[in-house]
Amino acid sequence: MSTRTPLGLIHSPAREGALTDLAAEMMSEQASNLGRMGRNVERTLADLAAASPEIRPARLDAAADAVWRYFIQREVAGVRNHAPAIADYKIPGSVLARLGARPKAS
């Protein structure tokens, strides 16, 4: 008894169309998730900027966590250069330091 997929089914137009639809849906979900995470970065950075000295460490941790999750999602989407996101969101060095980033030499 064979467990191989019949050759007639491997290259069927119906299967290719379903894969294309699935890929489009996955990309759409990925983009939606990236947008949600970006809004979370904005919110946590705003909270950090408005934080009193007593709660600043907790806000810094929350912002670093949100940025880390955002960067991971970008990498999953194939975006490896985070410099544009750092500039767009104006991510402070204190948050980047929590992620283990080193400041650029001038």
PDB file of N, CA and C in Angstrom:
ATOM      1  N   MET A   1       0.835  -1.177   0.000  1.00  0.00           N
ATOM      2  CA  MET A   1       0.000   0.000   0.000  1.00  0.00           C
ATOM      3  C   MET A   1       0.882   1.244   0.000  1.00  0.00           C
ATOM      4  N   SER A   2       0.592   2.185  -0.850  1.00  0.00           N
ATOM      5  CA  SER A   2       1.370   3.404  -0.990  1.00  0.00           C
ATOM      6  C   SER A   2       0.811   4.509  -0.096  1.00  0.00           C
ATOM      7  N   THR A   3       1.717   5.303   0.482  1.00  0.00           N
ATOM      8  CA  THR A   3       1.278   6.446   1.290  1.00  0.00           C
ATOM      9  C   THR A   3       1.607   7.769   0.604  1.00  0.00           C
ATOM     10  N   ARG A   4       2.114   7.695  -0.629  1.00  0.00           N
ATOM     11  CA  ARG A   4       2.434   8.905  -1.379  1.00  0.00           C
ATOM     12  C   ARG A   4       1.169   9.566  -1.879  1.00  0.00           C
ATOM     13  N   THR A   5       1.224  10.883  -2.014  1.00  0.00           N
ATOM     14  CA  THR A   5       0.121  11.619  -2.624  1.00  0.00           C
ATOM     15  C   THR A   5       0.145  11.350  -4.117  1.00  0.00           C
ATOM     16  N   PRO A   6      -0.988  11.037  -4.718  1.00  0.00           N
ATOM     17  CA  PRO A   6      -1.021  10.814  -6.169  1.00  0.00           C
ATOM     18  C   PRO A   6      -0.521  12.052  -6.909  1.00  0.00           C
ATOM     19  N   LEU A   7       0.278  11.834  -7.941  1.00  0.00           N
ATOM     20  CA  LEU A   7       0.859  12.943  -8.689  1.00  0.00           C
ATOM     21  C   LEU A   7      -0.198  13.875  -9.265  1.00  0.00           C
ATOM     22  N   GLY A   8      -1.350  13.352  -9.598  1.00  0.00           N
ATOM     23  CA  GLY A   8      -2.409  14.177 -10.149  1.00  0.00           C
ATOM     24  C   GLY A   8      -2.932  15.202  -9.151  1.00  0.00           C
ATOM     25  N   LEU A   9      -2.758  14.949  -7.881  1.00  0.00           N
ATOM     26  CA  LEU A   9      -3.249  15.886  -6.864  1.00  0.00           C
ATOM     27  C   LEU A   9      -2.199  16.903  -6.428  1.00  0.00           C
ATOM     28  N   ILE A  10      -0.957  16.598  -6.664  1.00  0.00           N
ATOM     29  CA  ILE A  10       0.109  17.492  -6.212  1.00  0.00           C
ATOM     30  C   ILE A  10       0.068  18.832  -6.931  1.00  0.00           C
ATOM     31  N   HIS A  11      -0.143  18.848  -8.216  1.00  0.00           N
ATOM     32  CA  HIS A  11      -0.097  20.082  -8.996  1.00  0.00           C
ATOM     33  C   HIS A  11      -1.473  20.503  -9.490  1.00  0.00           C
ATOM     34  N   SER A  12      -2.489  20.206  -8.744  1.00  0.00           N
ATOM     35  CA  SER A  12      -3.840  20.543  -9.208  1.00  0.00           C
ATOM     36  C   SER A  12      -4.093  22.042  -9.032  1.00  0.00           C
ATOM     37  N   PRO A  13      -4.768  22.673  -9.978  1.00  0.00           N
ATOM     38  CA  PRO A  13      -5.085  24.100  -9.870  1.00  0.00           C
ATOM     39  C   PRO A  13      -5.914  24.418  -8.621  1.00  0.00           C
ATOM     40  N   ALA A  14      -6.801  23.525  -8.218  1.00  0.00           N
ATOM     41  CA  ALA A  14      -7.614  23.766  -7.022  1.00  0.00           C
ATOM     42  C   ALA A  14      -6.722  23.845  -5.782  1.00  0.00           C
ATOM     43  N   ARG A  15      -5.738  22.957  -5.707  1.00  0.00           N
ATOM     44  CA  ARG A  15      -4.827  22.950  -4.558  1.00  0.00           C
ATOM     45  C   ARG A  15      -3.977  24.211  -4.558  1.00  0.00           C
ATOM     46  N   GLU A  16      -3.468  24.600  -5.722  1.00  0.00           N
ATOM     47  CA  GLU A  16      -2.644  25.804  -5.803  1.00  0.00           C
ATOM     48  C   GLU A  16      -3.459  27.042  -5.440  1.00  0.00           C
ATOM     49  N   GLY A  17      -4.711  27.093  -5.863  1.00  0.00           N
ATOM     50  CA  GLY A  17      -5.566  28.216  -5.512  1.00  0.00           C
ATOM     51  C   GLY A  17      -5.825  28.281  -4.019  1.00  0.00           C
ATOM     52  N   ALA A  18      -6.026  27.126  -3.405  1.00  0.00           N
ATOM     53  CA  ALA A  18      -6.251  27.077  -1.958  1.00  0.00           C
ATOM     54  C   ALA A  18      -5.011  27.528  -1.204  1.00  0.00           C
ATOM     55  N   LEU A  19      -3.842  27.130  -1.688  1.00  0.00           N
ATOM     56  CA  LEU A  19      -2.600  27.564  -1.041  1.00  0.00           C
ATOM     57  C   LEU A  19      -2.399  29.065  -1.185  1.00  0.00           C
ATOM     58  N   THR A  20      -2.746  29.599  -2.343  1.00  0.00           N
ATOM     59  CA  THR A  20      -2.636  31.035  -2.560  1.00  0.00           C
ATOM     60  C   THR A  20      -3.585  31.779  -1.621  1.00  0.00           C
ATOM     61  N   ASP A  21      -4.808  31.284  -1.495  1.00  0.00           N
ATOM     62  CA  ASP A  21      -5.765  31.902  -0.584  1.00  0.00           C
ATOM     63  C   ASP A  21      -5.277  31.833   0.854  1.00  0.00           C
ATOM     64  N   LEU A  22      -4.727  30.693   1.237  1.00  0.00           N
ATOM     65  CA  LEU A  22      -4.209  30.528   2.590  1.00  0.00           C
ATOM     66  C   LEU A  22      -3.045  31.477   2.845  1.00  0.00           C
ATOM     67  N   ALA A  23      -2.141  31.592   1.886  1.00  0.00           N
ATOM     68  CA  ALA A  23      -0.997  32.493   2.033  1.00  0.00           C
ATOM     69  C   ALA A  23      -1.464  33.941   2.167  1.00  0.00           C
ATOM     70  N   ALA A  24      -2.456  34.327   1.373  1.00  0.00           N
ATOM     71  CA  ALA A  24      -2.986  35.695   1.454  1.00  0.00           C
ATOM     72  C   ALA A  24      -3.625  35.945   2.815  1.00  0.00           C
ATOM     73  N   GLU A  25      -4.344  34.968   3.329  1.00  0.00           N
ATOM     74  CA  GLU A  25      -4.980  35.121   4.637  1.00  0.00           C
ATOM     75  C   GLU A  25      -3.933  35.204   5.745  1.00  0.00           C
ATOM     76  N   MET A  26      -2.890  34.406   5.629  1.00  0.00           N
ATOM     77  CA  MET A  26      -1.820  34.440   6.628  1.00  0.00           C
ATOM     78  C   MET A  26      -1.101  35.781   6.606  1.00  0.00           C
ATOM     79  N   MET A  27      -0.846  36.311   5.417  1.00  0.00           N
ATOM     80  CA  MET A  27      -0.185  37.614   5.310  1.00  0.00           C
ATOM     81  C   MET A  27      -1.074  38.717   5.867  1.00  0.00           C
ATOM     82  N   SER A  28      -2.360  38.621   5.634  1.00  0.00           N
ATOM     83  CA  SER A  28      -3.300  39.602   6.164  1.00  0.00           C
ATOM     84  C   SER A  28      -3.310  39.577   7.692  1.00  0.00           C
ATOM     85  N   GLU A  29      -3.328  38.397   8.255  1.00  0.00           N
ATOM     86  CA  GLU A  29      -3.320  38.255   9.717  1.00  0.00           C
ATOM     87  C   GLU A  29      -2.007  38.762  10.291  1.00  0.00           C
ATOM     88  N   GLN A  30      -0.913  38.489   9.604  1.00  0.00           N
ATOM     89  CA  GLN A  30       0.395  38.948  10.041  1.00  0.00           C
ATOM     90  C   GLN A  30       0.447  40.479  10.063  1.00  0.00           C
ATOM     91  N   ALA A  31      -0.075  41.113   9.026  1.00  0.00           N
ATOM     92  CA  ALA A  31      -0.100  42.570   8.953  1.00  0.00           C
ATOM     93  C   ALA A  31      -1.000  43.158  10.035  1.00  0.00           C
ATOM     94  N   SER A  32      -2.134  42.534  10.264  1.00  0.00           N
ATOM     95  CA  SER A  32      -3.047  42.994  11.301  1.00  0.00           C
ATOM     96  C   SER A  32      -2.398  42.896  12.678  1.00  0.00           C
ATOM     97  N   ASN A  33      -1.733  41.799  12.934  1.00  0.00           N
ATOM     98  CA  ASN A  33      -1.052  41.607  14.207  1.00  0.00           C
ATOM     99  C   ASN A  33       0.081  42.611  14.387  1.00  0.00           C
ATOM    100  N   LEU A  34       0.803  42.876  13.328  1.00  0.00           N
ATOM    101  CA  LEU A  34       1.886  43.860  13.385  1.00  0.00           C
ATOM    102  C   LEU A  34       1.324  45.243  13.702  1.00  0.00           C
ATOM    103  N   GLY A  35       0.182  45.584  13.133  1.00  0.00           N
ATOM    104  CA  GLY A  35      -0.461  46.863  13.435  1.00  0.00           C
ATOM    105  C   GLY A  35      -0.885  46.961  14.887  1.00  0.00           C
ATOM    106  N   ARG A  36      -1.477  45.898  15.429  1.00  0.00           N
ATOM    107  CA  ARG A  36      -1.876  45.877  16.847  1.00  0.00           C
ATOM    108  C   ARG A  36      -0.660  46.046  17.747  1.00  0.00           C
ATOM    109  N   MET A  37       0.400  45.363  17.395  1.00  0.00           N
ATOM    110  CA  MET A  37       1.609  45.457  18.215  1.00  0.00           C
ATOM    111  C   MET A  37       2.234  46.844  18.126  1.00  0.00           C
ATOM    112  N   GLY A  38       2.164  47.456  16.961  1.00  0.00           N
ATOM    113  CA  GLY A  38       2.672  48.818  16.804  1.00  0.00           C
ATOM    114  C   GLY A  38       1.888  49.809  17.648  1.00  0.00           C
ATOM    115  N   ARG A  39       0.573  49.655  17.681  1.00  0.00           N
ATOM    116  CA  ARG A  39      -0.249  50.522  18.537  1.00  0.00           C
ATOM    117  C   ARG A  39       0.074  50.305  20.014  1.00  0.00           C
ATOM    118  N   ASN A  40       0.371  49.069  20.372  1.00  0.00           N
ATOM    119  CA  ASN A  40       0.761  48.779  21.753  1.00  0.00           C
ATOM    120  C   ASN A  40       2.101  49.435  22.085  1.00  0.00           C
ATOM    121  N   VAL A  41       3.032  49.438  21.149  1.00  0.00           N
ATOM    122  CA  VAL A  41       4.308  50.129  21.348  1.00  0.00           C
ATOM    123  C   VAL A  41       4.049  51.611  21.578  1.00  0.00           C
ATOM    124  N   GLU A  42       3.220  52.214  20.741  1.00  0.00           N
ATOM    125  CA  GLU A  42       2.902  53.637  20.905  1.00  0.00           C
ATOM    126  C   GLU A  42       2.318  53.917  22.284  1.00  0.00           C
ATOM    127  N   ARG A  43       1.371  53.073  22.707  1.00  0.00           N
ATOM    128  CA  ARG A  43       0.710  53.283  23.996  1.00  0.00           C
ATOM    129  C   ARG A  43       1.691  53.146  25.160  1.00  0.00           C
ATOM    130  N   THR A  44       2.521  52.100  25.132  1.00  0.00           N
ATOM    131  CA  THR A  44       3.452  51.898  26.244  1.00  0.00           C
ATOM    132  C   THR A  44       4.535  52.962  26.277  1.00  0.00           C
ATOM    133  N   LEU A  45       4.945  53.465  25.114  1.00  0.00           N
ATOM    134  CA  LEU A  45       5.931  54.550  25.096  1.00  0.00           C
ATOM    135  C   LEU A  45       5.318  55.845  25.617  1.00  0.00           C
ATOM    136  N   ALA A  46       4.048  56.100  25.297  1.00  0.00           N
ATOM    137  CA  ALA A  46       3.363  57.283  25.833  1.00  0.00           C
ATOM    138  C   ALA A  46       3.220  57.162  27.348  1.00  0.00           C
ATOM    139  N   ASP A  47       2.880  55.976  27.839  1.00  0.00           N
ATOM    140  CA  ASP A  47       2.777  55.746  29.281  1.00  0.00           C
ATOM    141  C   ASP A  47       4.130  55.970  29.952  1.00  0.00           C
ATOM    142  N   LEU A  48       5.192  55.523  29.319  1.00  0.00           N
ATOM    143  CA  LEU A  48       6.535  55.709  29.861  1.00  0.00           C
ATOM    144  C   LEU A  48       6.891  57.184  29.940  1.00  0.00           C
ATOM    145  N   ALA A  49       6.573  57.918  28.885  1.00  0.00           N
ATOM    146  CA  ALA A  49       6.898  59.349  28.861  1.00  0.00           C
ATOM    147  C   ALA A  49       6.148  60.116  29.946  1.00  0.00           C
ATOM    148  N   ALA A  50       4.936  59.673  30.270  1.00  0.00           N
ATOM    149  CA  ALA A  50       4.117  60.366  31.262  1.00  0.00           C
ATOM    150  C   ALA A  50       4.295  59.817  32.675  1.00  0.00           C
ATOM    151  N   ALA A  51       5.149  58.830  32.848  1.00  0.00           N
ATOM    152  CA  ALA A  51       5.273  58.142  34.137  1.00  0.00           C
ATOM    153  C   ALA A  51       5.991  58.995  35.171  1.00  0.00           C
ATOM    154  N   SER A  52       5.509  58.903  36.390  1.00  0.00           N
ATOM    155  CA  SER A  52       6.194  59.541  37.511  1.00  0.00           C
ATOM    156  C   SER A  52       7.408  58.686  37.868  1.00  0.00           C
ATOM    157  N   PRO A  53       8.371  59.258  38.582  1.00  0.00           N
ATOM    158  CA  PRO A  53       9.587  58.491  38.910  1.00  0.00           C
ATOM    159  C   PRO A  53       9.308  57.200  39.676  1.00  0.00           C
ATOM    160  N   GLU A  54       8.231  57.175  40.463  1.00  0.00           N
ATOM    161  CA  GLU A  54       7.944  55.976  41.254  1.00  0.00           C
ATOM    162  C   GLU A  54       7.535  54.793  40.380  1.00  0.00           C
ATOM    163  N   ILE A  55       6.802  55.060  39.322  1.00  0.00           N
ATOM    164  CA  ILE A  55       6.317  53.956  38.484  1.00  0.00           C
ATOM    165  C   ILE A  55       7.105  53.810  37.178  1.00  0.00           C
ATOM    166  N   ARG A  56       8.104  54.643  36.981  1.00  0.00           N
ATOM    167  CA  ARG A  56       8.884  54.595  35.747  1.00  0.00           C
ATOM    168  C   ARG A  56       9.513  53.223  35.482  1.00  0.00           C
ATOM    169  N   PRO A  57      10.104  52.552  36.473  1.00  0.00           N
ATOM    170  CA  PRO A  57      10.700  51.233  36.181  1.00  0.00           C
ATOM    171  C   PRO A  57       9.686  50.231  35.623  1.00  0.00           C
ATOM    172  N   ALA A  58       8.491  50.230  36.159  1.00  0.00           N
ATOM    173  CA  ALA A  58       7.466  49.302  35.657  1.00  0.00           C
ATOM    174  C   ALA A  58       7.057  49.676  34.235  1.00  0.00           C
ATOM    175  N   ARG A  59       6.929  50.973  33.965  1.00  0.00           N
ATOM    176  CA  ARG A  59       6.563  51.422  32.613  1.00  0.00           C
ATOM    177  C   ARG A  59       7.681  51.125  31.623  1.00  0.00           C
ATOM    178  N   LEU A  60       8.921  51.237  32.092  1.00  0.00           N
ATOM    179  CA  LEU A  60      10.067  50.923  31.238  1.00  0.00           C
ATOM    180  C   LEU A  60      10.062  49.438  30.870  1.00  0.00           C
ATOM    181  N   ASP A  61       9.770  48.594  31.844  1.00  0.00           N
ATOM    182  CA  ASP A  61       9.678  47.155  31.573  1.00  0.00           C
ATOM    183  C   ASP A  61       8.565  46.860  30.570  1.00  0.00           C
ATOM    184  N   ALA A  62       7.417  47.505  30.748  1.00  0.00           N
ATOM    185  CA  ALA A  62       6.279  47.282  29.843  1.00  0.00           C
ATOM    186  C   ALA A  62       6.602  47.742  28.423  1.00  0.00           C
ATOM    187  N   ALA A  63       7.262  48.892  28.312  1.00  0.00           N
ATOM    188  CA  ALA A  63       7.631  49.409  26.988  1.00  0.00           C
ATOM    189  C   ALA A  63       8.652  48.494  26.319  1.00  0.00           C
ATOM    190  N   ALA A  64       9.634  48.040  27.076  1.00  0.00           N
ATOM    191  CA  ALA A  64      10.653  47.144  26.517  1.00  0.00           C
ATOM    192  C   ALA A  64      10.014  45.837  26.050  1.00  0.00           C
ATOM    193  N   ASP A  65       9.076  45.318  26.823  1.00  0.00           N
ATOM    194  CA  ASP A  65       8.390  44.087  26.436  1.00  0.00           C
ATOM    195  C   ASP A  65       7.589  44.303  25.148  1.00  0.00           C
ATOM    196  N   ALA A  66       6.878  45.421  25.052  1.00  0.00           N
ATOM    197  CA  ALA A  66       6.078  45.703  23.851  1.00  0.00           C
ATOM    198  C   ALA A  66       6.970  45.861  22.620  1.00  0.00           C
ATOM    199  N   VAL A  67       8.092  46.552  22.777  1.00  0.00           N
ATOM    200  CA  VAL A  67       9.018  46.745  21.657  1.00  0.00           C
ATOM    201  C   VAL A  67       9.635  45.415  21.252  1.00  0.00           C
ATOM    202  N   TRP A  68      10.014  44.609  22.220  1.00  0.00           N
ATOM    203  CA  TRP A  68      10.605  43.300  21.922  1.00  0.00           C
ATOM    204  C   TRP A  68       9.621  42.446  21.127  1.00  0.00           C
ATOM    205  N   ARG A  69       8.359  42.406  21.561  1.00  0.00           N
ATOM    206  CA  ARG A  69       7.339  41.624  20.861  1.00  0.00           C
ATOM    207  C   ARG A  69       7.121  42.158  19.437  1.00  0.00           C
ATOM    208  N   TYR A  70       7.135  43.476  19.306  1.00  0.00           N
ATOM    209  CA  TYR A  70       6.973  44.102  17.986  1.00  0.00           C
ATOM    210  C   TYR A  70       8.135  43.724  17.064  1.00  0.00           C
ATOM    211  N   PHE A  71       9.351  43.781  17.592  1.00  0.00           N
ATOM    212  CA  PHE A  71      10.515  43.418  16.787  1.00  0.00           C
ATOM    213  C   PHE A  71      10.455  41.947  16.361  1.00  0.00           C
ATOM    214  N   ILE A  72      10.040  41.075  17.253  1.00  0.00           N
ATOM    215  CA  ILE A  72       9.930  39.660  16.917  1.00  0.00           C
ATOM    216  C   ILE A  72       8.912  39.468  15.789  1.00  0.00           C
ATOM    217  N   GLN A  73       7.776  40.152  15.887  1.00  0.00           N
ATOM    218  CA  GLN A  73       6.753  40.031  14.848  1.00  0.00           C
ATOM    219  C   GLN A  73       7.273  40.557  13.512  1.00  0.00           C
ATOM    220  N   ARG A  74       8.046  41.632  13.541  1.00  0.00           N
ATOM    221  CA  ARG A  74       8.647  42.157  12.310  1.00  0.00           C
ATOM    222  C   ARG A  74       9.586  41.115  11.696  1.00  0.00           C
ATOM    223  N   GLU A  75      10.371  40.463  12.550  1.00  0.00           N
ATOM    224  CA  GLU A  75      11.307  39.460  12.047  1.00  0.00           C
ATOM    225  C   GLU A  75      10.569  38.265  11.456  1.00  0.00           C
ATOM    226  N   VAL A  76       9.460  37.868  12.080  1.00  0.00           N
ATOM    227  CA  VAL A  76       8.647  36.779  11.537  1.00  0.00           C
ATOM    228  C   VAL A  76       8.137  37.165  10.149  1.00  0.00           C
ATOM    229  N   ALA A  77       7.839  38.452   9.961  1.00  0.00           N
ATOM    230  CA  ALA A  77       7.348  38.942   8.671  1.00  0.00           C
ATOM    231  C   ALA A  77       8.490  39.138   7.664  1.00  0.00           C
ATOM    232  N   GLY A  78       9.723  38.899   8.087  1.00  0.00           N
ATOM    233  CA  GLY A  78      10.856  39.011   7.178  1.00  0.00           C
ATOM    234  C   GLY A  78      11.563  40.352   7.207  1.00  0.00           C
ATOM    235  N   VAL A  79      11.176  41.227   8.131  1.00  0.00           N
ATOM    236  CA  VAL A  79      11.803  42.550   8.236  1.00  0.00           C
ATOM    237  C   VAL A  79      12.867  42.479   9.324  1.00  0.00           C
ATOM    238  N   ARG A  80      14.118  42.564   8.930  1.00  0.00           N
ATOM    239  CA  ARG A  80      15.218  42.404   9.884  1.00  0.00           C
ATOM    240  C   ARG A  80      15.807  43.740  10.347  1.00  0.00           C
ATOM    241  N   ASN A  81      15.603  44.793   9.587  1.00  0.00           N
ATOM    242  CA  ASN A  81      16.175  46.097   9.930  1.00  0.00           C
ATOM    243  C   ASN A  81      15.168  46.867  10.785  1.00  0.00           C
ATOM    244  N   HIS A  82      15.506  47.080  12.039  1.00  0.00           N
ATOM    245  CA  HIS A  82      14.594  47.756  12.955  1.00  0.00           C
ATOM    246  C   HIS A  82      14.869  49.257  13.067  1.00  0.00           C
ATOM    247  N   ALA A  83      15.901  49.744  12.407  1.00  0.00           N
ATOM    248  CA  ALA A  83      16.247  51.166  12.489  1.00  0.00           C
ATOM    249  C   ALA A  83      15.084  52.084  12.085  1.00  0.00           C
ATOM    250  N   PRO A  84      14.354  51.782  11.001  1.00  0.00           N
ATOM    251  CA  PRO A  84      13.221  52.653  10.658  1.00  0.00           C
ATOM    252  C   PRO A  84      12.137  52.670  11.745  1.00  0.00           C
ATOM    253  N   ALA A  85      11.863  51.527  12.346  1.00  0.00           N
ATOM    254  CA  ALA A  85      10.851  51.469  13.415  1.00  0.00           C
ATOM    255  C   ALA A  85      11.330  52.237  14.636  1.00  0.00           C
ATOM    256  N   ILE A  86      12.600  52.121  14.959  1.00  0.00           N
ATOM    257  CA  ILE A  86      13.159  52.848  16.108  1.00  0.00           C
ATOM    258  C   ILE A  86      13.007  54.345  15.890  1.00  0.00           C
ATOM    259  N   ALA A  87      13.289  54.799  14.673  1.00  0.00           N
ATOM    260  CA  ALA A  87      13.153  56.222  14.361  1.00  0.00           C
ATOM    261  C   ALA A  87      11.690  56.659  14.321  1.00  0.00           C
ATOM    262  N   ASP A  88      10.828  55.871  13.701  1.00  0.00           N
ATOM    263  CA  ASP A  88       9.409  56.233  13.580  1.00  0.00           C
ATOM    264  C   ASP A  88       8.721  56.317  14.937  1.00  0.00           C
ATOM    265  N   TYR A  89       8.986  55.358  15.790  1.00  0.00           N
ATOM    266  CA  TYR A  89       8.344  55.338  17.110  1.00  0.00           C
ATOM    267  C   TYR A  89       9.129  56.146  18.149  1.00  0.00           C
ATOM    268  N   LYS A  90      10.310  56.638  17.747  1.00  0.00           N
ATOM    269  CA  LYS A  90      11.178  57.392  18.664  1.00  0.00           C
ATOM    270  C   LYS A  90      11.423  56.592  19.950  1.00  0.00           C
ATOM    271  N   ILE A  91      11.851  55.355  19.756  1.00  0.00           N
ATOM    272  CA  ILE A  91      12.087  54.465  20.886  1.00  0.00           C
ATOM    273  C   ILE A  91      13.326  54.944  21.634  1.00  0.00           C
ATOM    274  N   PRO A  92      13.166  55.268  22.904  1.00  0.00           N
ATOM    275  CA  PRO A  92      14.302  55.795  23.664  1.00  0.00           C
ATOM    276  C   PRO A  92      15.394  54.753  23.897  1.00  0.00           C
ATOM    277  N   GLY A  93      16.595  55.257  24.087  1.00  0.00           N
ATOM    278  CA  GLY A  93      17.739  54.392  24.346  1.00  0.00           C
ATOM    279  C   GLY A  93      17.559  53.532  25.579  1.00  0.00           C
ATOM    280  N   SER A  94      16.850  54.044  26.588  1.00  0.00           N
ATOM    281  CA  SER A  94      16.634  53.263  27.810  1.00  0.00           C
ATOM    282  C   SER A  94      15.816  52.003  27.517  1.00  0.00           C
ATOM    283  N   VAL A  95      14.874  52.104  26.586  1.00  0.00           N
ATOM    284  CA  VAL A  95      14.078  50.933  26.201  1.00  0.00           C
ATOM    285  C   VAL A  95      14.950  49.974  25.394  1.00  0.00           C
ATOM    286  N   LEU A  96      15.704  50.504  24.463  1.00  0.00           N
ATOM    287  CA  LEU A  96      16.579  49.657  23.642  1.00  0.00           C
ATOM    288  C   LEU A  96      17.635  48.971  24.498  1.00  0.00           C
ATOM    289  N   ALA A  97      18.119  49.661  25.527  1.00  0.00           N
ATOM    290  CA  ALA A  97      19.113  49.056  26.417  1.00  0.00           C
ATOM    291  C   ALA A  97      18.528  47.840  27.134  1.00  0.00           C
ATOM    292  N   ARG A  98      17.252  47.895  27.459  1.00  0.00           N
ATOM    293  CA  ARG A  98      16.594  46.746  28.107  1.00  0.00           C
ATOM    294  C   ARG A  98      16.540  45.548  27.161  1.00  0.00           C
ATOM    295  N   LEU A  99      16.599  45.819  25.873  1.00  0.00           N
ATOM    296  CA  LEU A  99      16.569  44.737  24.883  1.00  0.00           C
ATOM    297  C   LEU A  99      17.975  44.212  24.579  1.00  0.00           C
ATOM    298  N   GLY A 100      18.968  44.870  25.159  1.00  0.00           N
ATOM    299  CA  GLY A 100      20.349  44.449  24.921  1.00  0.00           C
ATOM    300  C   GLY A 100      21.004  45.152  23.758  1.00  0.00           C
ATOM    301  N   ALA A 101      20.348  46.186  23.220  1.00  0.00           N
ATOM    302  CA  ALA A 101      20.924  46.924  22.095  1.00  0.00           C
ATOM    303  C   ALA A 101      22.041  47.830  22.590  1.00  0.00           C
ATOM    304  N   ARG A 102      23.042  47.982  21.786  1.00  0.00           N
ATOM    305  CA  ARG A 102      24.151  48.882  22.112  1.00  0.00           C
ATOM    306  C   ARG A 102      24.002  50.160  21.313  1.00  0.00           C
ATOM    307  N   PRO A 103      24.331  51.278  21.928  1.00  0.00           N
ATOM    308  CA  PRO A 103      24.234  52.551  21.170  1.00  0.00           C
ATOM    309  C   PRO A 103      25.210  52.550  20.005  1.00  0.00           C
ATOM    310  N   LYS A 104      24.798  53.221  18.929  1.00  0.00           N
ATOM    311  CA  LYS A 104      25.663  53.340  17.753  1.00  0.00           C
ATOM    312  C   LYS A 104      26.818  54.294  18.070  1.00  0.00           C
ATOM    313  N   ALA A 105      27.976  53.964  17.531  1.00  0.00           N
ATOM    314  CA  ALA A 105      29.136  54.848  17.671  1.00  0.00           C
ATOM    315  C   ALA A 105      28.960  55.981  16.660  1.00  0.00           C
ATOM    316  N   SER A 106      29.171  57.194  17.102  1.00  0.00           N
ATOM    317  CA  SER A 106      28.996  58.355  16.210  1.00  0.00           C
ATOM    318  C   SER A 106      30.213  58.622  15.381  1.00  0.00           C
TER     319      SER A 106
END
